[in-house]
Protein backbone atom coordinates (compact mmCIF):
# COMPACT_ATOMS: atom_id res chain seq x y z
CA MET A 1 -76.33 21.07 39.13
CA MET A 2 -74.36 19.72 42.06
CA ALA A 3 -76.02 19.17 45.42
CA PRO A 4 -74.94 21.49 48.27
CA LEU A 5 -71.87 20.33 50.14
CA LEU A 6 -72.19 18.78 53.57
CA GLU A 7 -70.39 20.57 56.42
CA GLU A 8 -67.59 18.01 56.52
CA GLU A 9 -67.19 18.28 52.74
CA GLU A 10 -67.02 22.07 53.03
CA ASN A 11 -64.32 21.67 55.68
CA TYR A 12 -62.27 19.61 53.26
CA VAL A 13 -62.73 22.07 50.39
CA ARG A 14 -61.84 25.09 52.55
CA LEU A 15 -58.70 23.38 53.82
CA ALA A 16 -57.75 22.40 50.28
CA LEU A 17 -58.22 26.00 49.11
CA LEU A 18 -56.08 27.22 52.01
CA LEU A 19 -53.29 24.71 51.42
CA LYS A 20 -53.33 24.75 47.62
CA GLY A 21 -54.27 28.35 46.94
CA VAL A 22 -53.13 30.58 49.80
CA SER A 23 -50.24 28.80 51.52
CA PRO A 24 -48.07 28.49 48.37
CA ARG A 25 -48.17 32.29 48.01
CA ALA A 26 -47.17 32.71 51.66
CA VAL A 27 -44.25 30.34 51.18
CA ARG A 28 -43.28 32.19 48.00
CA THR A 29 -43.40 35.55 49.80
CA TYR A 30 -40.89 34.23 52.34
CA PHE A 31 -38.88 32.49 49.61
CA ASP A 32 -38.51 35.72 47.63
CA ARG A 33 -37.24 37.47 50.75
CA GLU A 34 -34.58 34.80 51.18
CA PHE A 35 -33.86 34.56 47.44
CA PRO A 36 -34.52 37.98 45.83
CA PRO A 37 -35.76 37.29 42.28
CA THR A 38 -33.04 39.37 40.62
CA HIS A 39 -30.34 37.30 42.35
CA LEU A 40 -32.02 33.89 42.17
CA PRO A 41 -30.17 32.65 39.02
CA SER A 42 -26.75 33.60 40.38
CA THR A 43 -27.57 32.11 43.79
CA LEU A 44 -28.53 28.79 42.21
CA ASN A 45 -25.40 28.81 40.06
CA THR A 46 -23.25 29.52 43.10
CA ASN A 47 -24.80 26.53 44.87
CA TYR A 48 -24.74 24.27 41.82
CA ASN A 49 -22.63 21.57 43.48
CA THR A 50 -24.90 21.43 46.53
CA LEU A 51 -27.98 21.18 44.33
CA GLN A 52 -26.38 18.52 42.14
CA ASP A 53 -25.62 16.50 45.25
CA LEU A 54 -29.29 16.77 46.25
CA LYS A 55 -30.23 15.53 42.78
CA LEU A 56 -27.87 12.58 43.06
CA LYS A 57 -29.45 11.76 46.42
CA ARG A 58 -32.87 12.03 44.75
CA VAL A 59 -33.96 14.84 47.03
CA LEU A 60 -34.49 16.81 43.81
CA ASN A 61 -36.07 15.11 40.82
CA GLN A 62 -35.45 15.84 37.15
CA ALA A 63 -38.57 17.99 36.78
CA GLN A 64 -37.45 20.23 39.66
CA TRP A 65 -33.92 20.35 38.30
CA ASN A 66 -35.21 21.59 34.95
CA LEU A 67 -37.01 24.43 36.72
CA LEU A 68 -33.84 25.42 38.55
CA PHE A 69 -31.68 25.23 35.43
CA PRO A 70 -33.94 25.67 32.36
CA ARG A 71 -32.54 24.32 29.12
CA ASN A 72 -32.93 26.35 25.92
CA GLY A 73 -34.89 28.92 27.85
CA VAL A 74 -37.86 26.64 28.53
CA PRO A 75 -38.25 24.32 31.53
CA ASP A 76 -38.90 20.77 30.29
CA PHE A 77 -41.45 19.97 32.97
CA ILE A 78 -43.71 21.93 35.29
CA THR A 79 -45.17 20.11 38.27
CA PHE A 80 -48.73 20.86 39.36
CA ASP A 81 -50.65 20.16 42.53
CA VAL A 82 -54.33 19.25 42.31
CA ILE A 83 -55.54 22.84 42.64
CA ASP A 84 -52.34 24.84 42.14
CA VAL A 85 -52.81 27.27 39.29
CA ILE A 86 -50.18 28.87 37.06
CA ASN A 87 -51.27 31.81 34.99
CA TYR A 88 -49.76 31.08 31.59
CA ASN A 89 -50.31 34.67 30.46
CA SER A 90 -47.97 35.93 33.17
CA PHE A 91 -45.51 33.03 32.95
CA ASP A 92 -42.11 34.43 32.06
CA VAL A 93 -40.13 32.06 29.87
CA ILE A 94 -36.91 34.02 29.86
CA GLY A 95 -34.33 31.29 30.13
CA VAL A 96 -33.75 31.82 33.84
CA PRO A 97 -35.40 30.30 36.95
CA VAL A 98 -38.28 32.20 38.51
CA SER A 99 -39.98 31.34 41.80
CA THR A 100 -43.45 31.56 40.22
CA THR A 101 -42.75 28.16 38.61
CA PHE A 102 -41.63 26.55 41.88
CA ASP A 103 -44.07 24.53 43.95
CA VAL A 104 -44.09 24.46 47.75
CA THR A 105 -41.97 21.31 47.95
CA LEU A 106 -39.19 22.79 45.84
CA MET A 107 -39.19 26.15 47.63
CA ILE A 108 -39.01 24.54 51.06
CA CYS A 109 -36.23 22.24 49.85
CA LEU A 110 -34.16 25.22 48.70
CA ILE A 111 -34.82 27.14 51.90
CA ARG A 112 -33.80 24.13 54.00
CA ASN A 113 -30.58 23.49 52.12
CA LEU A 114 -29.40 26.92 50.98
CA THR A 115 -30.29 29.21 53.90
CA SER A 116 -29.65 29.32 57.63
CA VAL A 117 -33.33 28.84 58.51
CA THR A 118 -33.82 27.33 61.97
CA GLN A 119 -34.88 23.70 61.78
CA PRO A 120 -37.88 22.57 63.87
CA ILE A 121 -37.01 20.60 67.00
CA ASN A 122 -38.34 17.38 65.48
CA GLY A 123 -37.18 18.13 61.94
CA PHE A 124 -38.99 19.24 58.81
CA ASP A 125 -40.92 16.00 58.39
CA SER A 126 -42.95 16.23 61.62
CA LEU A 127 -45.63 18.62 62.88
CA PRO A 128 -43.78 21.31 64.89
CA LEU A 129 -44.63 22.04 68.51
CA PRO A 130 -47.14 24.89 69.11
CA VAL A 131 -44.42 27.04 70.71
CA GLU A 132 -42.33 26.94 67.53
CA THR A 133 -43.38 29.97 65.53
CA THR A 134 -40.28 30.90 63.51
CA PRO A 135 -40.19 30.54 59.70
CA GLY A 136 -38.63 27.05 59.72
CA PRO A 137 -41.38 25.46 61.82
CA ASP A 138 -44.07 27.39 59.91
CA LEU A 139 -42.77 25.99 56.62
CA ALA A 140 -42.75 22.52 58.18
CA ARG A 141 -46.37 23.00 59.33
CA ILE A 142 -47.54 23.80 55.83
CA LYS A 143 -45.55 20.90 54.40
CA TRP A 144 -46.93 18.49 57.00
CA TYR A 145 -50.58 19.45 56.46
CA ARG A 146 -50.20 19.34 52.69
CA ASN A 147 -48.98 15.77 53.02
CA ILE A 148 -51.90 14.96 55.31
CA LEU A 149 -54.35 16.35 52.76
CA ALA A 150 -52.66 14.50 49.90
CA HIS A 151 -53.03 11.18 51.72
CA HIS A 152 -56.48 11.86 53.17
CA ASP A 153 -58.64 8.90 52.19
CA SER A 154 -61.93 10.78 51.84
CA ASN A 155 -63.31 14.16 50.78
CA LYS A 156 -64.63 14.93 54.26
CA MET A 157 -63.05 16.31 57.42
CA ALA A 158 -64.51 16.41 60.93
CA THR A 159 -65.10 19.95 62.17
CA GLY A 160 -62.85 19.52 65.22
CA ASP A 161 -59.93 18.35 63.08
CA PHE A 162 -60.66 21.12 60.58
CA ASN A 163 -60.58 23.88 63.21
CA THR A 164 -57.27 22.64 64.61
CA ALA A 165 -55.68 22.37 61.18
CA TRP A 166 -57.06 25.73 60.08
CA SER A 167 -55.66 27.50 63.14
CA ASN A 168 -52.21 25.97 62.67
CA ILE A 169 -52.03 26.61 58.94
CA SER A 170 -53.56 30.11 58.87
CA ASN A 171 -51.27 31.28 61.66
CA ALA A 172 -48.26 29.97 59.77
CA VAL A 173 -49.50 31.61 56.55
CA SER A 174 -50.00 34.93 58.38
CA ARG A 175 -46.51 34.91 59.88
CA LEU A 176 -44.89 34.02 56.56
CA GLY A 177 -47.04 36.16 54.28
CA GLY A 178 -48.04 39.11 56.44
CA GLN A 179 -51.32 40.80 57.39
CA PRO A 180 -52.95 40.74 53.93
CA MET A 181 -52.79 36.94 53.88
CA ASN A 182 -54.05 36.80 57.45
CA GLN A 183 -57.14 38.70 56.29
CA GLU A 184 -57.50 36.39 53.30
CA CYS A 185 -57.46 33.35 55.59
CA GLN A 186 -60.18 34.83 57.80
CA GLU A 187 -62.40 35.56 54.80
CA LEU A 188 -61.84 32.14 53.25
CA LYS A 189 -62.96 30.37 56.42
CA VAL A 190 -66.44 31.92 56.37
CA LYS A 191 -67.07 32.75 52.70
CA ILE A 192 -69.98 31.05 50.96
CA LEU A 193 -68.67 28.35 48.63
CA ASP A 194 -70.13 28.94 45.19
CA GLN A 195 -70.51 26.64 42.21
CA SER A 196 -66.86 27.01 41.23
CA ASN A 197 -65.79 25.83 44.66
CA GLN A 198 -68.11 22.85 44.37
CA GLU A 199 -66.54 22.09 41.01
CA ILE A 200 -63.21 22.01 42.81
CA MET A 201 -64.73 19.38 45.07
CA LEU A 202 -65.55 17.30 42.01
CA GLU A 203 -62.02 17.77 40.67
CA ILE A 204 -60.62 16.62 43.99
CA LYS A 205 -62.76 13.48 43.88
CA GLN A 206 -61.64 12.75 40.32
CA SER A 207 -58.02 13.39 41.22
CA GLN A 208 -58.26 11.05 44.19
CA GLU A 209 -59.64 8.33 41.92
CA LYS A 210 -56.79 8.87 39.45
CA ILE A 211 -54.25 8.73 42.27
CA LYS A 212 -55.75 5.45 43.48
CA GLU A 213 -55.62 4.08 39.93
CA LEU A 214 -51.97 5.13 39.63
CA GLY A 215 -51.24 3.51 42.98
CA GLN A 216 -52.82 0.27 41.79
CA THR A 217 -50.81 0.43 38.58
CA VAL A 218 -47.62 0.95 40.56
CA ASP A 219 -48.50 -2.03 42.77
CA ILE A 220 -49.09 -4.19 39.70
CA LEU A 221 -45.81 -3.06 38.14
CA GLY A 222 -44.06 -3.75 41.43
CA THR A 223 -45.49 -7.28 41.51
CA LYS A 224 -44.46 -7.91 37.92
CA HIS A 225 -41.00 -6.57 38.66
CA SER A 226 -40.71 -8.97 41.60
CA GLU A 227 -41.82 -11.86 39.38
CA VAL A 228 -39.29 -10.94 36.70
CA THR A 229 -36.56 -10.63 39.33
CA GLU A 230 -37.42 -14.08 40.73
CA ASN A 231 -37.46 -15.62 37.25
CA LEU A 232 -34.11 -14.02 36.53
CA ARG A 233 -32.73 -15.46 39.76
CA LYS A 234 -33.95 -18.92 38.77
CA LEU A 235 -32.37 -18.54 35.34
CA GLN A 236 -29.09 -17.55 36.94
CA VAL A 237 -29.22 -20.65 39.17
CA SER A 238 -30.00 -22.85 36.16
CA HIS A 239 -27.21 -21.19 34.21
CA SER A 240 -24.74 -21.89 37.02
CA SER A 241 -25.84 -25.55 37.14
CA LEU A 242 -25.42 -25.88 33.39
CA GLN A 243 -21.98 -24.34 33.58
CA THR A 244 -21.00 -26.87 36.26
CA GLU A 245 -22.35 -29.76 34.21
CA HIS A 246 -20.61 -28.42 31.10
CA THR A 247 -17.31 -28.29 32.98
CA GLU A 248 -17.73 -31.88 34.17
CA VAL A 249 -18.59 -33.11 30.66
CA THR A 250 -15.62 -31.26 29.22
CA GLU A 251 -13.30 -32.96 31.71
CA LEU A 252 -14.73 -36.36 30.82
CA LEU A 253 -14.24 -35.73 27.12
CA LYS A 254 -10.60 -34.94 27.71
CA ASP A 255 -10.14 -38.46 29.10
CA PRO A 256 -12.87 -40.85 27.86
CA ILE A 257 -11.53 -43.78 29.95
CA PRO A 258 -13.09 -43.74 33.42
CA TRP A 259 -10.58 -43.42 36.26
CA ASN A 260 -11.68 -46.70 37.89
CA ILE A 261 -11.14 -48.62 34.70
CA ARG A 262 -7.88 -46.87 33.83
CA GLY A 263 -6.36 -48.36 36.99
CA THR A 264 -6.96 -51.92 35.69
CA LEU A 265 -5.32 -51.33 32.32
């Protein structure tokens, strides 16, 4: 049986539950207002060229593209966050895109590029100012804090930082998702974390370790790639030198009598 969580560990778990469990539904509530589910396939088809351009610019990856335009009725890939949950029993594989398969990143990307949502003063990649409370800034807030959590280097969070983050995120969730989600945020902040929540803590720790391992693997691959690139460069230099020498030898073979001797003949 796991030991009780420390206060700072509880802060981290609560924020993770808010960002991974509640906020995606708030974003989806707003998304479905902007892209009514019955019109989503036709809207995506209408904006195919814009979306393809985003794919070419690598704003959209292949996994996201397959969710927007499923092939053979089944998306090839489904992306998951650490605690995001998809209910397979209610997953509709009907050959058309459905927002229930979209993660927060994809939904915000579509909202940014296919609607007239107001952009935050400092853009979507920064924490909006407190006075910015329209949907665009609220989406940016959720996106910003999710990135912060994803790159957080421990499973603890100081209470002061937690309270600030909670206020910003829960207010954004409430504005995007309505009063029911506001109530859910209030309850989540004070509810007693049971064994299942502590198990989430363990999953987070394990996920962080896997992410670190993946990061190390990427670093190793990057180093090896650099070494291969350098070796290739050296081979190209050697090849050029050999070509030059080959040309010189070829010229000599054409006329075996050295030029300085030929003049004396």
